[in-house]
């Protein structure tokens, strides 16, 4: 066990933290939280801290968690951390990547810079980088490390549904879906997203004969699930034998998961980048490889 490095985490991410600490052979400690009646938070970190600290914090439901990081990071420095690395399997605010209307904040750029100001490295999985090539465009070069769960999901799908047809949601997912298909030895196709507003997005499916075929919809994240629901209904209408869903980030707000089932989706699989009952694939091996590559 490395006495110069520690993994810090919060209790609500205990399962992934324990798996990661065991794989890295690192001591694991937790940051305790107390919320005051007015909404402010008190954090307590272990004292003192070793020279290298890995801090695990996914940013789903991000606002409180970003405040936690802005408090925890400088405190960790004060308590002895000289090298501070954020492991954030889900990186929030990456979807707002351009000024769609005049004066609109490009939050991708600002949140990325904010995190880079506090951490030496930020390791994440499948961030929403549809209009930039890498995190280097919004962070100092080599600060951001973007991994992909595509291969893991492709291998899982191939094991569960041999010969499945993978379909990605839009043109921007082409490289991601092709990587998953290659890993699983599967066929793939890519659709096109048609956005009608914040809560209305449809998927223009490729013109394929899916009659009698097992289809798996593959995406980097699922929030409301409406795109996947519409896609599943259309595929089943066309005669697909079955429709399953595989995603990296299972955000699934509200009744999204129940609505997918009601729409005829047979299975929903996700990675544990975001803790959810649908978790089927662990991202711990990806995170371990990334950390070792930095050393």
C-alpha atoms as a PDB file:
ATOM      1  CA  UNK A   1       0.000   0.000   0.000  1.00  0.00           C
ATOM      2  CA  UNK A   2       1.301   3.437  -0.969  1.00  0.00           C
ATOM      3  CA  UNK A   3       1.595   5.643   2.138  1.00  0.00           C
ATOM      4  CA  UNK A   4       2.136   8.733  -0.038  1.00  0.00           C
ATOM      5  CA  UNK A   5      -1.209   8.484  -1.853  1.00  0.00           C
ATOM      6  CA  UNK A   6      -4.792   8.285  -0.643  1.00  0.00           C
ATOM      7  CA  UNK A   7      -8.231   8.016  -2.248  1.00  0.00           C
ATOM      8  CA  UNK A   8     -10.831  10.413  -0.861  1.00  0.00           C
ATOM      9  CA  UNK A   9     -14.535  10.013  -1.545  1.00  0.00           C
ATOM     10  CA  UNK A  10     -18.011  10.838  -0.297  1.00  0.00           C
ATOM     11  CA  UNK A  11     -20.301   8.281   1.330  1.00  0.00           C
ATOM     12  CA  UNK A  12     -22.837   8.326  -1.501  1.00  0.00           C
ATOM     13  CA  UNK A  13     -20.179   6.912  -3.841  1.00  0.00           C
ATOM     14  CA  UNK A  14     -18.893   4.269  -1.445  1.00  0.00           C
ATOM     15  CA  UNK A  15     -19.372   1.275  -3.763  1.00  0.00           C
ATOM     16  CA  UNK A  16     -17.222   2.607  -6.606  1.00  0.00           C
ATOM     17  CA  UNK A  17     -14.746   4.126  -4.137  1.00  0.00           C
ATOM     18  CA  UNK A  18     -14.166   0.775  -2.431  1.00  0.00           C
ATOM     19  CA  UNK A  19     -13.745  -1.020  -5.747  1.00  0.00           C
ATOM     20  CA  UNK A  20     -11.305   1.616  -6.973  1.00  0.00           C
ATOM     21  CA  UNK A  21      -9.284   1.708  -3.735  1.00  0.00           C
ATOM     22  CA  UNK A  22      -8.958  -2.069  -3.767  1.00  0.00           C
ATOM     23  CA  UNK A  23      -7.831  -2.123  -7.393  1.00  0.00           C
ATOM     24  CA  UNK A  24      -5.304   0.676  -6.803  1.00  0.00           C
ATOM     25  CA  UNK A  25      -4.189  -0.782  -3.446  1.00  0.00           C
ATOM     26  CA  UNK A  26      -4.720   2.613  -1.801  1.00  0.00           C
ATOM     27  CA  UNK A  27      -6.117   3.619   1.579  1.00  0.00           C
ATOM     28  CA  UNK A  28      -9.658   4.960   1.316  1.00  0.00           C
ATOM     29  CA  UNK A  29     -11.010   7.763   3.491  1.00  0.00           C
ATOM     30  CA  UNK A  30     -14.295   9.629   3.340  1.00  0.00           C
ATOM     31  CA  UNK A  31     -15.141  13.315   3.550  1.00  0.00           C
ATOM     32  CA  UNK A  32     -17.950  13.866   6.025  1.00  0.00           C
ATOM     33  CA  UNK A  33     -20.711  16.369   5.250  1.00  0.00           C
ATOM     34  CA  UNK A  34     -23.199  18.267   7.347  1.00  0.00           C
ATOM     35  CA  UNK A  35     -25.908  20.439   5.858  1.00  0.00           C
ATOM     36  CA  UNK A  36     -27.092  23.395   7.908  1.00  0.00           C
ATOM     37  CA  UNK A  37     -30.758  24.499   7.874  1.00  0.00           C
ATOM     38  CA  UNK A  38     -29.944  27.365   5.521  1.00  0.00           C
ATOM     39  CA  UNK A  39     -28.420  24.990   2.961  1.00  0.00           C
ATOM     40  CA  UNK A  40     -24.743  25.666   3.635  1.00  0.00           C
ATOM     41  CA  UNK A  41     -22.430  22.676   4.032  1.00  0.00           C
ATOM     42  CA  UNK A  42     -19.656  21.806   6.422  1.00  0.00           C
ATOM     43  CA  UNK A  43     -17.006  19.391   5.161  1.00  0.00           C
ATOM     44  CA  UNK A  44     -14.468  17.521   7.288  1.00  0.00           C
ATOM     45  CA  UNK A  45     -11.434  15.959   5.601  1.00  0.00           C
ATOM     46  CA  UNK A  46      -8.856  13.605   7.119  1.00  0.00           C
ATOM     47  CA  UNK A  47      -5.925  15.463   8.666  1.00  0.00           C
ATOM     48  CA  UNK A  48      -3.127  15.457   7.689  1.00  0.00           C
ATOM     49  CA  UNK A  49      -3.212  14.348   4.054  1.00  0.00           C
ATOM     50  CA  UNK A  50      -0.377  12.674   2.120  1.00  0.00           C
ATOM     51  CA  UNK A  51       1.371  14.407  -0.815  1.00  0.00           C
ATOM     52  CA  UNK A  52      -0.893  12.813  -3.462  1.00  0.00           C
ATOM     53  CA  UNK A  53      -4.669  12.780  -3.144  1.00  0.00           C
ATOM     54  CA  UNK A  54      -7.172  11.254  -5.571  1.00  0.00           C
ATOM     55  CA  UNK A  55     -10.637  12.679  -5.012  1.00  0.00           C
ATOM     56  CA  UNK A  56     -13.555  10.687  -6.400  1.00  0.00           C
ATOM     57  CA  UNK A  57     -16.622  12.808  -7.106  1.00  0.00           C
ATOM     58  CA  UNK A  58     -19.082  12.278  -9.950  1.00  0.00           C
ATOM     59  CA  UNK A  59     -20.969  15.435 -10.902  1.00  0.00           C
ATOM     60  CA  UNK A  60     -24.458  14.126 -11.591  1.00  0.00           C
ATOM     61  CA  UNK A  61     -26.891  16.517  -9.844  1.00  0.00           C
ATOM     62  CA  UNK A  62     -23.950  18.888  -9.964  1.00  0.00           C
ATOM     63  CA  UNK A  63     -24.655  22.153  -8.212  1.00  0.00           C
ATOM     64  CA  UNK A  64     -24.100  21.099  -4.589  1.00  0.00           C
ATOM     65  CA  UNK A  65     -21.255  18.832  -5.649  1.00  0.00           C
ATOM     66  CA  UNK A  66     -19.417  21.633  -7.430  1.00  0.00           C
ATOM     67  CA  UNK A  67     -19.609  23.710  -4.254  1.00  0.00           C
ATOM     68  CA  UNK A  68     -18.247  20.733  -2.320  1.00  0.00           C
ATOM     69  CA  UNK A  69     -15.290  20.516  -4.690  1.00  0.00           C
ATOM     70  CA  UNK A  70     -14.588  24.245  -4.459  1.00  0.00           C
ATOM     71  CA  UNK A  71     -14.359  23.835  -0.674  1.00  0.00           C
ATOM     72  CA  UNK A  72     -12.675  20.427  -0.538  1.00  0.00           C
ATOM     73  CA  UNK A  73      -9.897  21.088  -3.069  1.00  0.00           C
ATOM     74  CA  UNK A  74      -8.218  24.084  -1.355  1.00  0.00           C
ATOM     75  CA  UNK A  75      -8.748  22.429   2.030  1.00  0.00           C
ATOM     76  CA  UNK A  76      -6.915  19.339   0.781  1.00  0.00           C
ATOM     77  CA  UNK A  77      -4.016  21.575  -0.269  1.00  0.00           C
ATOM     78  CA  UNK A  78      -3.960  23.174   3.187  1.00  0.00           C
ATOM     79  CA  UNK A  79      -3.877  19.731   4.804  1.00  0.00           C
ATOM     80  CA  UNK A  80      -0.840  18.557   2.863  1.00  0.00           C
ATOM     81  CA  UNK A  81      -1.896  17.519  -0.638  1.00  0.00           C
ATOM     82  CA  UNK A  82       0.699  18.628  -3.176  1.00  0.00           C
ATOM     83  CA  UNK A  83      -0.784  16.726  -6.103  1.00  0.00           C
ATOM     84  CA  UNK A  84      -4.565  16.710  -6.328  1.00  0.00           C
ATOM     85  CA  UNK A  85      -6.409  14.641  -8.926  1.00  0.00           C
ATOM     86  CA  UNK A  86     -10.165  14.689  -9.476  1.00  0.00           C
ATOM     87  CA  UNK A  87     -11.742  11.435 -10.646  1.00  0.00           C
ATOM     88  CA  UNK A  88     -15.157  12.507 -11.899  1.00  0.00           C
ATOM     89  CA  UNK A  89     -16.714   9.651 -13.895  1.00  0.00           C
ATOM     90  CA  UNK A  90     -19.548  11.958 -14.966  1.00  0.00           C
ATOM     91  CA  UNK A  91     -18.526  15.523 -15.769  1.00  0.00           C
ATOM     92  CA  UNK A  92     -21.437  17.965 -15.636  1.00  0.00           C
ATOM     93  CA  UNK A  93     -22.164  21.024 -17.781  1.00  0.00           C
ATOM     94  CA  UNK A  94     -20.365  19.617 -20.822  1.00  0.00           C
ATOM     95  CA  UNK A  95     -23.503  19.737 -23.014  1.00  0.00           C
ATOM     96  CA  UNK A  96     -23.641  23.544 -23.086  1.00  0.00           C
ATOM     97  CA  UNK A  97     -20.743  23.832 -25.532  1.00  0.00           C
ATOM     98  CA  UNK A  98     -21.697  26.860 -27.634  1.00  0.00           C
ATOM     99  CA  UNK A  99     -23.690  30.097 -27.495  1.00  0.00           C
ATOM    100  CA  UNK A 100     -27.028  28.963 -28.908  1.00  0.00           C
ATOM    101  CA  UNK A 101     -28.716  32.304 -28.149  1.00  0.00           C
ATOM    102  CA  UNK A 102     -27.051  35.739 -27.686  1.00  0.00           C
ATOM    103  CA  UNK A 103     -25.533  36.106 -24.230  1.00  0.00           C
ATOM    104  CA  UNK A 104     -25.913  32.450 -23.311  1.00  0.00           C
ATOM    105  CA  UNK A 105     -23.129  31.177 -21.027  1.00  0.00           C
ATOM    106  CA  UNK A 106     -20.955  28.433 -22.521  1.00  0.00           C
ATOM    107  CA  UNK A 107     -20.836  26.440 -19.299  1.00  0.00           C
ATOM    108  CA  UNK A 108     -18.624  23.666 -20.706  1.00  0.00           C
ATOM    109  CA  UNK A 109     -15.738  26.099 -21.010  1.00  0.00           C
ATOM    110  CA  UNK A 110     -16.249  27.776 -17.642  1.00  0.00           C
ATOM    111  CA  UNK A 111     -16.753  24.650 -15.539  1.00  0.00           C
ATOM    112  CA  UNK A 112     -13.758  22.981 -17.189  1.00  0.00           C
ATOM    113  CA  UNK A 113     -11.543  25.952 -16.368  1.00  0.00           C
ATOM    114  CA  UNK A 114     -12.879  26.140 -12.835  1.00  0.00           C
ATOM    115  CA  UNK A 115     -11.963  22.519 -12.173  1.00  0.00           C
ATOM    116  CA  UNK A 116      -8.573  22.939 -13.828  1.00  0.00           C
ATOM    117  CA  UNK A 117      -7.808  25.801 -11.456  1.00  0.00           C
ATOM    118  CA  UNK A 118      -8.231  23.486  -8.475  1.00  0.00           C
ATOM    119  CA  UNK A 119      -6.941  20.116  -9.694  1.00  0.00           C
ATOM    120  CA  UNK A 120      -3.718  18.997 -11.350  1.00  0.00           C
ATOM    121  CA  UNK A 121      -5.654  16.452 -13.410  1.00  0.00           C
ATOM    122  CA  UNK A 122      -9.323  15.724 -14.065  1.00  0.00           C
ATOM    123  CA  UNK A 123     -10.105  12.138 -15.104  1.00  0.00           C
ATOM    124  CA  UNK A 124     -13.554  11.544 -16.565  1.00  0.00           C
ATOM    125  CA  UNK A 125     -15.473   9.103 -18.757  1.00  0.00           C
ATOM    126  CA  UNK A 126     -17.343   9.888 -21.974  1.00  0.00           C
ATOM    127  CA  UNK A 127     -17.714  13.631 -21.441  1.00  0.00           C
ATOM    128  CA  UNK A 128     -20.109  15.324 -23.846  1.00  0.00           C
ATOM    129  CA  UNK A 129     -17.545  16.688 -26.307  1.00  0.00           C
ATOM    130  CA  UNK A 130     -19.605  16.903 -29.460  1.00  0.00           C
ATOM    131  CA  UNK A 131     -18.146  20.154 -30.786  1.00  0.00           C
ATOM    132  CA  UNK A 132     -14.570  19.953 -29.512  1.00  0.00           C
ATOM    133  CA  UNK A 133     -11.997  17.260 -30.139  1.00  0.00           C
ATOM    134  CA  UNK A 134     -10.677  16.898 -26.575  1.00  0.00           C
ATOM    135  CA  UNK A 135     -10.622  18.434 -23.105  1.00  0.00           C
ATOM    136  CA  UNK A 136      -7.359  20.136 -24.103  1.00  0.00           C
ATOM    137  CA  UNK A 137      -9.499  22.775 -25.832  1.00  0.00           C
ATOM    138  CA  UNK A 138     -11.158  23.843 -22.572  1.00  0.00           C
ATOM    139  CA  UNK A 139      -8.451  22.919 -20.037  1.00  0.00           C
ATOM    140  CA  UNK A 140      -4.679  23.315 -19.891  1.00  0.00           C
ATOM    141  CA  UNK A 141      -3.030  20.707 -22.113  1.00  0.00           C
ATOM    142  CA  UNK A 142      -2.853  17.261 -20.444  1.00  0.00           C
ATOM    143  CA  UNK A 143      -4.910  18.375 -17.449  1.00  0.00           C
ATOM    144  CA  UNK A 144      -8.079  16.651 -18.625  1.00  0.00           C
ATOM    145  CA  UNK A 145      -8.102  12.899 -19.227  1.00  0.00           C
ATOM    146  CA  UNK A 146     -11.180  11.691 -21.123  1.00  0.00           C
ATOM    147  CA  UNK A 147     -11.776   7.943 -21.145  1.00  0.00           C
ATOM    148  CA  UNK A 148     -14.488   5.986 -22.933  1.00  0.00           C
ATOM    149  CA  UNK A 149     -16.661   3.113 -21.764  1.00  0.00           C
ATOM    150  CA  UNK A 150     -17.584   2.262 -25.355  1.00  0.00           C
ATOM    151  CA  UNK A 151     -15.454  -0.889 -25.523  1.00  0.00           C
ATOM    152  CA  UNK A 152     -16.709  -2.129 -22.160  1.00  0.00           C
ATOM    153  CA  UNK A 153     -20.321  -1.659 -23.217  1.00  0.00           C
ATOM    154  CA  UNK A 154     -19.702  -3.231 -26.621  1.00  0.00           C
ATOM    155  CA  UNK A 155     -18.218  -6.340 -25.024  1.00  0.00           C
ATOM    156  CA  UNK A 156     -21.093  -6.538 -22.528  1.00  0.00           C
ATOM    157  CA  UNK A 157     -23.744  -6.229 -25.241  1.00  0.00           C
ATOM    158  CA  UNK A 158     -22.057  -8.890 -27.368  1.00  0.00           C
ATOM    159  CA  UNK A 159     -22.060 -11.281 -24.409  1.00  0.00           C
ATOM    160  CA  UNK A 160     -25.730 -10.631 -23.604  1.00  0.00           C
ATOM    161  CA  UNK A 161     -27.137 -10.357 -27.139  1.00  0.00           C
ATOM    162  CA  UNK A 162     -24.825 -12.086 -29.624  1.00  0.00           C
ATOM    163  CA  UNK A 163     -25.233 -10.660 -33.110  1.00  0.00           C
ATOM    164  CA  UNK A 164     -27.103  -7.563 -31.949  1.00  0.00           C
ATOM    165  CA  UNK A 165     -27.341  -4.486 -34.139  1.00  0.00           C
ATOM    166  CA  UNK A 166     -26.001  -1.403 -32.327  1.00  0.00           C
ATOM    167  CA  UNK A 167     -27.627   1.928 -33.162  1.00  0.00           C
ATOM    168  CA  UNK A 168     -26.206   5.265 -32.017  1.00  0.00           C
ATOM    169  CA  UNK A 169     -28.373   8.362 -31.589  1.00  0.00           C
ATOM    170  CA  UNK A 170     -26.673  10.825 -33.938  1.00  0.00           C
ATOM    171  CA  UNK A 171     -23.776  11.542 -36.252  1.00  0.00           C
ATOM    172  CA  UNK A 172     -21.612  12.738 -33.363  1.00  0.00           C
ATOM    173  CA  UNK A 173     -21.822   9.306 -31.752  1.00  0.00           C
ATOM    174  CA  UNK A 174     -20.469   7.520 -34.837  1.00  0.00           C
ATOM    175  CA  UNK A 175     -16.925   7.045 -33.559  1.00  0.00           C
ATOM    176  CA  UNK A 176     -18.134   5.972 -30.112  1.00  0.00           C
ATOM    177  CA  UNK A 177     -20.640   3.442 -31.470  1.00  0.00           C
ATOM    178  CA  UNK A 178     -18.158   2.077 -33.995  1.00  0.00           C
ATOM    179  CA  UNK A 179     -15.648   1.491 -31.190  1.00  0.00           C
ATOM    180  CA  UNK A 180     -18.247  -0.402 -29.168  1.00  0.00           C
ATOM    181  CA  UNK A 181     -19.248  -2.446 -32.215  1.00  0.00           C
ATOM    182  CA  UNK A 182     -15.626  -3.300 -32.981  1.00  0.00           C
ATOM    183  CA  UNK A 183     -15.017  -4.462 -29.410  1.00  0.00           C
ATOM    184  CA  UNK A 184     -18.060  -6.724 -29.522  1.00  0.00           C
ATOM    185  CA  UNK A 185     -17.781  -7.830 -33.137  1.00  0.00           C
ATOM    186  CA  UNK A 186     -21.196  -6.362 -33.864  1.00  0.00           C
ATOM    187  CA  UNK A 187     -22.848  -4.470 -36.722  1.00  0.00           C
ATOM    188  CA  UNK A 188     -23.743  -0.845 -36.126  1.00  0.00           C
ATOM    189  CA  UNK A 189     -25.590   2.115 -37.574  1.00  0.00           C
ATOM    190  CA  UNK A 190     -26.061   5.753 -36.638  1.00  0.00           C
ATOM    191  CA  UNK A 191     -29.203   7.842 -36.503  1.00  0.00           C
ATOM    192  CA  UNK A 192     -29.785  11.587 -36.372  1.00  0.00           C
ATOM    193  CA  UNK A 193     -31.160  13.635 -33.486  1.00  0.00           C
ATOM    194  CA  UNK A 194     -33.868  16.174 -34.235  1.00  0.00           C
ATOM    195  CA  UNK A 195     -34.222  18.637 -31.348  1.00  0.00           C
ATOM    196  CA  UNK A 196     -37.581  20.394 -30.838  1.00  0.00           C
ATOM    197  CA  UNK A 197     -36.718  22.074 -27.508  1.00  0.00           C
ATOM    198  CA  UNK A 198     -35.208  21.290 -24.117  1.00  0.00           C
ATOM    199  CA  UNK A 199     -37.504  18.324 -23.500  1.00  0.00           C
ATOM    200  CA  UNK A 200     -38.411  17.203 -27.014  1.00  0.00           C
ATOM    201  CA  UNK A 201     -35.804  15.349 -29.015  1.00  0.00           C
ATOM    202  CA  UNK A 202     -36.541  12.674 -31.578  1.00  0.00           C
ATOM    203  CA  UNK A 203     -34.224  10.263 -33.300  1.00  0.00           C
ATOM    204  CA  UNK A 204     -34.357   9.951 -37.059  1.00  0.00           C
ATOM    205  CA  UNK A 205     -33.408   6.292 -37.391  1.00  0.00           C
ATOM    206  CA  UNK A 206     -31.326   5.017 -40.299  1.00  0.00           C
ATOM    207  CA  UNK A 207     -33.272   3.340 -43.080  1.00  0.00           C
ATOM    208  CA  UNK A 208     -32.476  -0.247 -42.160  1.00  0.00           C
ATOM    209  CA  UNK A 209     -34.483  -3.427 -42.234  1.00  0.00           C
ATOM    210  CA  UNK A 210     -34.653  -4.343 -38.544  1.00  0.00           C
ATOM    211  CA  UNK A 211     -37.465  -6.871 -38.806  1.00  0.00           C
ATOM    212  CA  UNK A 212     -36.700  -9.882 -36.633  1.00  0.00           C
ATOM    213  CA  UNK A 213     -33.451  -8.386 -35.357  1.00  0.00           C
ATOM    214  CA  UNK A 214     -32.217  -7.760 -31.827  1.00  0.00           C
ATOM    215  CA  UNK A 215     -31.351  -4.059 -31.586  1.00  0.00           C
ATOM    216  CA  UNK A 216     -29.406  -2.274 -28.843  1.00  0.00           C
ATOM    217  CA  UNK A 217     -29.578   1.516 -28.593  1.00  0.00           C
ATOM    218  CA  UNK A 218     -26.222   2.844 -27.419  1.00  0.00           C
ATOM    219  CA  UNK A 219     -25.628   6.328 -26.011  1.00  0.00           C
ATOM    220  CA  UNK A 220     -23.220   8.172 -23.757  1.00  0.00           C
ATOM    221  CA  UNK A 221     -25.973   9.304 -21.406  1.00  0.00           C
ATOM    222  CA  UNK A 222     -29.685   9.043 -20.779  1.00  0.00           C
ATOM    223  CA  UNK A 223     -31.490  11.788 -18.876  1.00  0.00           C
ATOM    224  CA  UNK A 224     -35.208  12.036 -19.596  1.00  0.00           C
ATOM    225  CA  UNK A 225     -34.994   8.941 -21.810  1.00  0.00           C
ATOM    226  CA  UNK A 226     -37.408  10.472 -24.321  1.00  0.00           C
ATOM    227  CA  UNK A 227     -35.107   9.993 -27.303  1.00  0.00           C
ATOM    228  CA  UNK A 228     -34.575   6.346 -26.412  1.00  0.00           C
ATOM    229  CA  UNK A 229     -38.308   5.822 -25.817  1.00  0.00           C
ATOM    230  CA  UNK A 230     -39.242   7.199 -29.225  1.00  0.00           C
ATOM    231  CA  UNK A 231     -36.499   5.201 -30.892  1.00  0.00           C
ATOM    232  CA  UNK A 232     -37.528   1.954 -29.196  1.00  0.00           C
ATOM    233  CA  UNK A 233     -41.155   2.426 -30.202  1.00  0.00           C
ATOM    234  CA  UNK A 234     -40.173   3.087 -33.806  1.00  0.00           C
ATOM    235  CA  UNK A 235     -37.861   0.062 -33.944  1.00  0.00           C
ATOM    236  CA  UNK A 236     -40.537  -2.219 -32.515  1.00  0.00           C
ATOM    237  CA  UNK A 237     -43.050  -0.777 -34.992  1.00  0.00           C
ATOM    238  CA  UNK A 238     -40.645  -1.727 -37.765  1.00  0.00           C
ATOM    239  CA  UNK A 239     -40.599  -5.287 -36.469  1.00  0.00           C
ATOM    240  CA  UNK A 240     -37.461  -5.475 -34.333  1.00  0.00           C
ATOM    241  CA  UNK A 241     -37.397  -8.696 -32.339  1.00  0.00           C
ATOM    242  CA  UNK A 242     -36.196  -6.863 -29.219  1.00  0.00           C
ATOM    243  CA  UNK A 243     -34.819  -3.491 -28.178  1.00  0.00           C
ATOM    244  CA  UNK A 244     -32.324  -3.050 -25.346  1.00  0.00           C
ATOM    245  CA  UNK A 245     -30.517   0.077 -24.157  1.00  0.00           C
ATOM    246  CA  UNK A 246     -26.894   0.519 -23.075  1.00  0.00           C
ATOM    247  CA  UNK A 247     -25.551   3.831 -21.762  1.00  0.00           C
ATOM    248  CA  UNK A 248     -22.433   5.064 -20.016  1.00  0.00           C
ATOM    249  CA  UNK A 249     -24.219   7.545 -17.738  1.00  0.00           C
ATOM    250  CA  UNK A 250     -27.587   6.454 -16.336  1.00  0.00           C
ATOM    251  CA  UNK A 251     -28.973   9.787 -15.181  1.00  0.00           C
ATOM    252  CA  UNK A 252     -32.603   8.713 -15.751  1.00  0.00           C
ATOM    253  CA  UNK A 253     -34.547  11.573 -14.209  1.00  0.00           C
ATOM    254  CA  UNK A 254     -38.041  11.043 -12.829  1.00  0.00           C
ATOM    255  CA  UNK A 255     -39.922   8.137 -14.377  1.00  0.00           C
ATOM    256  CA  UNK A 256     -37.502   7.688 -17.273  1.00  0.00           C
ATOM    257  CA  UNK A 257     -36.596   4.094 -16.493  1.00  0.00           C
ATOM    258  CA  UNK A 258     -40.203   3.015 -15.990  1.00  0.00           C
ATOM    259  CA  UNK A 259     -41.172   4.811 -19.202  1.00  0.00           C
ATOM    260  CA  UNK A 260     -38.511   2.898 -21.141  1.00  0.00           C
ATOM    261  CA  UNK A 261     -39.900  -0.380 -19.877  1.00  0.00           C
ATOM    262  CA  UNK A 262     -43.425   0.706 -20.747  1.00  0.00           C
ATOM    263  CA  UNK A 263     -42.236   1.556 -24.268  1.00  0.00           C
ATOM    264  CA  UNK A 264     -41.113  -2.040 -24.769  1.00  0.00           C
ATOM    265  CA  UNK A 265     -37.407  -1.836 -23.910  1.00  0.00           C
ATOM    266  CA  UNK A 266     -36.387  -5.246 -22.650  1.00  0.00           C
ATOM    267  CA  UNK A 267     -33.148  -4.489 -20.758  1.00  0.00           C
ATOM    268  CA  UNK A 268     -31.380  -1.303 -19.707  1.00  0.00           C
ATOM    269  CA  UNK A 269     -27.657  -1.613 -19.001  1.00  0.00           C
ATOM    270  CA  UNK A 270     -25.311   1.100 -17.803  1.00  0.00           C
ATOM    271  CA  UNK A 271     -21.829   1.566 -16.438  1.00  0.00           C
ATOM    272  CA  UNK A 272     -21.326   2.439 -12.787  1.00  0.00           C
ATOM    273  CA  UNK A 273     -19.900   5.825 -13.766  1.00  0.00           C
ATOM    274  CA  UNK A 274     -23.219   6.953 -12.241  1.00  0.00           C
ATOM    275  CA  UNK A 275     -24.641   4.708  -9.525  1.00  0.00           C
ATOM    276  CA  UNK A 276     -27.983   3.306 -10.675  1.00  0.00           C
ATOM    277  CA  UNK A 277     -29.917   0.004 -10.420  1.00  0.00           C
ATOM    278  CA  UNK A 278     -29.198  -0.603 -14.123  1.00  0.00           C
ATOM    279  CA  UNK A 279     -25.407  -0.729 -13.544  1.00  0.00           C
ATOM    280  CA  UNK A 280     -23.937  -3.756 -15.301  1.00  0.00           C
ATOM    281  CA  UNK A 281     -20.400  -2.722 -16.268  1.00  0.00           C
ATOM    282  CA  UNK A 282     -17.696  -1.360 -13.965  1.00  0.00           C
ATOM    283  CA  UNK A 283     -15.523   1.557 -15.040  1.00  0.00           C
ATOM    284  CA  UNK A 284     -12.968   0.887 -12.283  1.00  0.00           C
ATOM    285  CA  UNK A 285     -10.486  -0.807 -14.690  1.00  0.00           C
ATOM    286  CA  UNK A 286     -10.580   2.282 -16.950  1.00  0.00           C
ATOM    287  CA  UNK A 287      -9.886   4.603 -14.010  1.00  0.00           C
ATOM    288  CA  UNK A 288      -7.058   2.409 -12.751  1.00  0.00           C
ATOM    289  CA  UNK A 289      -5.397   2.420 -16.178  1.00  0.00           C
ATOM    290  CA  UNK A 290      -5.739   6.181 -16.443  1.00  0.00           C
ATOM    291  CA  UNK A 291      -4.162   6.809 -13.057  1.00  0.00           C
ATOM    292  CA  UNK A 292      -1.264   4.472 -13.767  1.00  0.00           C
ATOM    293  CA  UNK A 293      -0.681   6.189 -17.093  1.00  0.00           C
ATOM    294  CA  UNK A 294      -0.212   9.488 -15.258  1.00  0.00           C
ATOM    295  CA  UNK A 295       2.574   8.036 -13.114  1.00  0.00           C
END
